[in-house]
Amino acid sequence: MEETADPTFDRVDIKILRALQSEGRLTNAELAARVNVSAATCHRRTQRLFEEGYITGVRAEIAPAAVALGALVMVGVVLDRSTP
């Protein structure tokens, strides 16, 4: 991710984004410690990143086998006779 010329988006914001991208379940206190800012500053900046659209959501990745979800895939192929 490149730094932008936008003065409201700085290195701390980039550190927050990188930390959350790699480990989205960090508590605010853990995140603040990782990016070397106070918990209040971290919370304020994280909220701003959500509000300004830099962070659009937090998701859970589910293991299909663990919750007994299988996958059925049907593939159809149509070939044109003129295709070599």
N, C-alpha and C. Protein backbone atom coordinates (compact mmCIF):
# COMPACT_ATOMS: atom_id res chain seq x y z
N MET A 1 0.84 -1.16 0.00
CA MET A 1 0.00 0.00 0.00
C MET A 1 0.89 1.23 0.00
N GLU A 2 0.64 2.17 -0.88
CA GLU A 2 1.44 3.38 -0.96
C GLU A 2 0.86 4.45 -0.04
N GLU A 3 1.75 5.29 0.45
CA GLU A 3 1.29 6.41 1.25
C GLU A 3 0.72 7.45 0.30
N THR A 4 -0.33 8.13 0.73
CA THR A 4 -0.95 9.14 -0.11
C THR A 4 -0.48 10.52 0.30
N ALA A 5 -0.78 11.50 -0.54
CA ALA A 5 -0.44 12.88 -0.23
C ALA A 5 -1.46 13.49 0.73
N ASP A 6 -2.52 12.78 1.01
CA ASP A 6 -3.57 13.26 1.90
C ASP A 6 -3.00 13.41 3.32
N PRO A 7 -2.97 14.63 3.86
CA PRO A 7 -2.36 14.83 5.18
C PRO A 7 -3.14 14.16 6.32
N THR A 8 -4.40 13.75 6.09
CA THR A 8 -5.16 13.10 7.14
C THR A 8 -4.92 11.59 7.16
N PHE A 9 -4.12 11.10 6.24
CA PHE A 9 -3.82 9.67 6.14
C PHE A 9 -2.31 9.53 6.27
N ASP A 10 -1.83 9.09 7.43
CA ASP A 10 -0.40 9.07 7.67
C ASP A 10 0.12 7.66 7.97
N ARG A 11 1.36 7.60 8.43
CA ARG A 11 2.00 6.30 8.69
C ARG A 11 1.30 5.50 9.78
N VAL A 12 0.77 6.16 10.77
CA VAL A 12 0.04 5.45 11.83
C VAL A 12 -1.20 4.79 11.24
N ASP A 13 -1.91 5.52 10.37
CA ASP A 13 -3.08 4.94 9.71
C ASP A 13 -2.68 3.71 8.89
N ILE A 14 -1.59 3.80 8.20
CA ILE A 14 -1.11 2.66 7.39
C ILE A 14 -0.77 1.48 8.30
N LYS A 15 -0.12 1.75 9.43
CA LYS A 15 0.19 0.68 10.38
C LYS A 15 -1.09 0.03 10.91
N ILE A 16 -2.09 0.84 11.20
CA ILE A 16 -3.37 0.30 11.68
C ILE A 16 -4.00 -0.58 10.62
N LEU A 17 -4.03 -0.11 9.38
CA LEU A 17 -4.62 -0.89 8.29
C LEU A 17 -3.89 -2.21 8.08
N ARG A 18 -2.57 -2.16 8.10
CA ARG A 18 -1.79 -3.39 7.90
C ARG A 18 -2.01 -4.38 9.04
N ALA A 19 -2.04 -3.88 10.26
CA ALA A 19 -2.25 -4.77 11.41
C ALA A 19 -3.63 -5.41 11.36
N LEU A 20 -4.65 -4.62 11.05
CA LEU A 20 -6.00 -5.17 10.99
C LEU A 20 -6.19 -6.11 9.81
N GLN A 21 -5.49 -5.82 8.71
CA GLN A 21 -5.60 -6.70 7.55
C GLN A 21 -5.00 -8.06 7.85
N SER A 22 -3.91 -8.09 8.60
CA SER A 22 -3.28 -9.38 8.90
C SER A 22 -3.94 -10.10 10.07
N GLU A 23 -4.52 -9.33 11.00
CA GLU A 23 -5.15 -9.95 12.17
C GLU A 23 -6.32 -9.08 12.62
N GLY A 24 -7.46 -9.31 12.02
CA GLY A 24 -8.63 -8.47 12.23
C GLY A 24 -9.28 -8.57 13.60
N ARG A 25 -8.89 -9.55 14.40
CA ARG A 25 -9.51 -9.73 15.71
C ARG A 25 -8.75 -9.04 16.84
N LEU A 26 -7.81 -8.19 16.52
CA LEU A 26 -7.06 -7.48 17.55
C LEU A 26 -8.00 -6.59 18.36
N THR A 27 -7.78 -6.57 19.66
CA THR A 27 -8.53 -5.61 20.48
C THR A 27 -7.92 -4.23 20.25
N ASN A 28 -8.64 -3.21 20.67
CA ASN A 28 -8.12 -1.86 20.51
C ASN A 28 -6.81 -1.69 21.27
N ALA A 29 -6.71 -2.27 22.47
CA ALA A 29 -5.49 -2.17 23.27
C ALA A 29 -4.32 -2.85 22.57
N GLU A 30 -4.56 -4.04 22.00
CA GLU A 30 -3.49 -4.75 21.28
C GLU A 30 -3.06 -3.97 20.04
N LEU A 31 -4.04 -3.45 19.32
CA LEU A 31 -3.74 -2.67 18.12
C LEU A 31 -2.94 -1.42 18.48
N ALA A 32 -3.34 -0.73 19.53
CA ALA A 32 -2.64 0.48 19.97
C ALA A 32 -1.19 0.16 20.32
N ALA A 33 -0.96 -0.96 21.00
CA ALA A 33 0.40 -1.36 21.36
C ALA A 33 1.23 -1.66 20.11
N ARG A 34 0.61 -2.29 19.12
CA ARG A 34 1.35 -2.63 17.89
C ARG A 34 1.76 -1.41 17.09
N VAL A 35 0.93 -0.38 17.11
CA VAL A 35 1.24 0.80 16.29
C VAL A 35 1.82 1.94 17.13
N ASN A 36 2.06 1.66 18.42
CA ASN A 36 2.72 2.60 19.32
C ASN A 36 1.98 3.93 19.49
N VAL A 37 0.68 3.83 19.73
CA VAL A 37 -0.12 5.01 20.07
C VAL A 37 -0.99 4.65 21.27
N SER A 38 -1.60 5.66 21.88
CA SER A 38 -2.48 5.38 23.02
C SER A 38 -3.75 4.69 22.53
N ALA A 39 -4.43 4.03 23.45
CA ALA A 39 -5.68 3.34 23.10
C ALA A 39 -6.73 4.32 22.59
N ALA A 40 -6.79 5.50 23.19
CA ALA A 40 -7.77 6.51 22.75
C ALA A 40 -7.47 6.98 21.33
N THR A 41 -6.20 7.23 21.04
CA THR A 41 -5.81 7.65 19.69
C THR A 41 -6.11 6.56 18.69
N CYS A 42 -5.79 5.33 19.05
CA CYS A 42 -6.04 4.20 18.16
C CYS A 42 -7.53 4.06 17.86
N HIS A 43 -8.36 4.16 18.89
CA HIS A 43 -9.80 4.04 18.70
C HIS A 43 -10.32 5.15 17.79
N ARG A 44 -9.89 6.36 18.04
CA ARG A 44 -10.33 7.51 17.24
C ARG A 44 -9.92 7.33 15.77
N ARG A 45 -8.69 6.90 15.55
CA ARG A 45 -8.21 6.72 14.17
C ARG A 45 -8.91 5.56 13.47
N THR A 46 -9.14 4.47 14.20
CA THR A 46 -9.84 3.33 13.61
C THR A 46 -11.26 3.71 13.23
N GLN A 47 -11.93 4.44 14.10
CA GLN A 47 -13.29 4.91 13.78
C GLN A 47 -13.28 5.79 12.53
N ARG A 48 -12.29 6.68 12.43
CA ARG A 48 -12.20 7.56 11.26
C ARG A 48 -11.95 6.74 9.99
N LEU A 49 -11.11 5.71 10.08
CA LEU A 49 -10.84 4.87 8.91
C LEU A 49 -12.11 4.15 8.45
N PHE A 50 -12.96 3.75 9.39
CA PHE A 50 -14.26 3.17 9.03
C PHE A 50 -15.15 4.23 8.38
N GLU A 51 -15.26 5.37 9.02
CA GLU A 51 -16.15 6.43 8.54
C GLU A 51 -15.76 6.95 7.16
N GLU A 52 -14.45 7.02 6.88
CA GLU A 52 -13.98 7.53 5.59
C GLU A 52 -13.91 6.45 4.52
N GLY A 53 -14.26 5.22 4.87
CA GLY A 53 -14.33 4.15 3.88
C GLY A 53 -13.04 3.40 3.61
N TYR A 54 -11.99 3.66 4.39
CA TYR A 54 -10.76 2.89 4.21
C TYR A 54 -10.94 1.46 4.70
N ILE A 55 -11.76 1.28 5.73
CA ILE A 55 -12.13 -0.05 6.22
C ILE A 55 -13.63 -0.18 5.96
N THR A 56 -14.00 -1.19 5.19
CA THR A 56 -15.41 -1.33 4.82
C THR A 56 -16.14 -2.39 5.62
N GLY A 57 -15.42 -3.19 6.38
CA GLY A 57 -16.09 -4.21 7.17
C GLY A 57 -15.10 -5.15 7.81
N VAL A 58 -15.63 -5.97 8.70
CA VAL A 58 -14.84 -7.00 9.37
C VAL A 58 -15.55 -8.31 9.11
N ARG A 59 -14.81 -9.30 8.65
CA ARG A 59 -15.43 -10.56 8.24
C ARG A 59 -14.78 -11.75 8.95
N ALA A 60 -15.54 -12.82 9.03
CA ALA A 60 -15.03 -14.08 9.57
C ALA A 60 -14.91 -15.06 8.41
N GLU A 61 -13.81 -15.77 8.36
CA GLU A 61 -13.61 -16.80 7.35
C GLU A 61 -13.97 -18.13 7.99
N ILE A 62 -15.01 -18.76 7.47
CA ILE A 62 -15.53 -20.00 8.04
C ILE A 62 -14.88 -21.20 7.35
N ALA A 63 -14.52 -22.21 8.12
CA ALA A 63 -13.99 -23.45 7.58
C ALA A 63 -15.18 -24.34 7.22
N PRO A 64 -15.49 -24.53 5.93
CA PRO A 64 -16.68 -25.29 5.54
C PRO A 64 -16.73 -26.70 6.13
N ALA A 65 -15.60 -27.38 6.18
CA ALA A 65 -15.60 -28.75 6.70
C ALA A 65 -15.95 -28.78 8.19
N ALA A 66 -15.57 -27.75 8.91
CA ALA A 66 -15.84 -27.71 10.35
C ALA A 66 -17.32 -27.54 10.67
N VAL A 67 -18.06 -26.93 9.76
CA VAL A 67 -19.50 -26.72 9.98
C VAL A 67 -20.33 -27.59 9.05
N ALA A 68 -19.71 -28.64 8.53
CA ALA A 68 -20.38 -29.63 7.68
C ALA A 68 -21.01 -29.02 6.43
N LEU A 69 -20.33 -28.06 5.84
CA LEU A 69 -20.80 -27.50 4.57
C LEU A 69 -19.93 -28.05 3.45
N GLY A 70 -20.54 -28.74 2.54
CA GLY A 70 -19.82 -29.25 1.40
C GLY A 70 -20.01 -28.31 0.22
N ALA A 71 -19.42 -28.64 -0.88
CA ALA A 71 -19.58 -27.83 -2.09
C ALA A 71 -19.93 -28.75 -3.25
N LEU A 72 -20.93 -28.36 -4.00
CA LEU A 72 -21.31 -29.08 -5.21
C LEU A 72 -21.08 -28.12 -6.36
N VAL A 73 -20.25 -28.54 -7.28
CA VAL A 73 -19.92 -27.69 -8.41
C VAL A 73 -20.34 -28.40 -9.68
N MET A 74 -21.10 -27.71 -10.49
CA MET A 74 -21.51 -28.25 -11.79
C MET A 74 -20.90 -27.36 -12.87
N VAL A 75 -20.18 -27.98 -13.78
CA VAL A 75 -19.52 -27.23 -14.83
C VAL A 75 -20.03 -27.74 -16.17
N GLY A 76 -20.42 -26.84 -17.01
CA GLY A 76 -20.85 -27.20 -18.36
C GLY A 76 -19.90 -26.58 -19.37
N VAL A 77 -19.54 -27.33 -20.37
CA VAL A 77 -18.65 -26.83 -21.41
C VAL A 77 -19.31 -27.04 -22.75
N VAL A 78 -19.38 -25.99 -23.54
CA VAL A 78 -19.93 -26.07 -24.88
C VAL A 78 -18.80 -25.73 -25.85
N LEU A 79 -18.55 -26.65 -26.78
CA LEU A 79 -17.49 -26.42 -27.76
C LEU A 79 -18.09 -26.15 -29.13
N ASP A 80 -17.50 -25.23 -29.82
CA ASP A 80 -17.90 -24.92 -31.19
C ASP A 80 -17.09 -25.83 -32.11
N ARG A 81 -17.74 -26.42 -33.09
CA ARG A 81 -17.05 -27.35 -33.99
C ARG A 81 -15.90 -26.69 -34.74
N SER A 82 -15.95 -25.38 -34.92
CA SER A 82 -14.88 -24.71 -35.66
C SER A 82 -13.67 -24.42 -34.79
N THR A 83 -13.78 -24.69 -33.50
CA THR A 83 -12.65 -24.45 -32.61
C THR A 83 -11.67 -25.61 -32.76
N PRO A 84 -10.40 -25.30 -33.04
CA PRO A 84 -9.41 -26.38 -33.21
C PRO A 84 -9.12 -27.13 -31.94
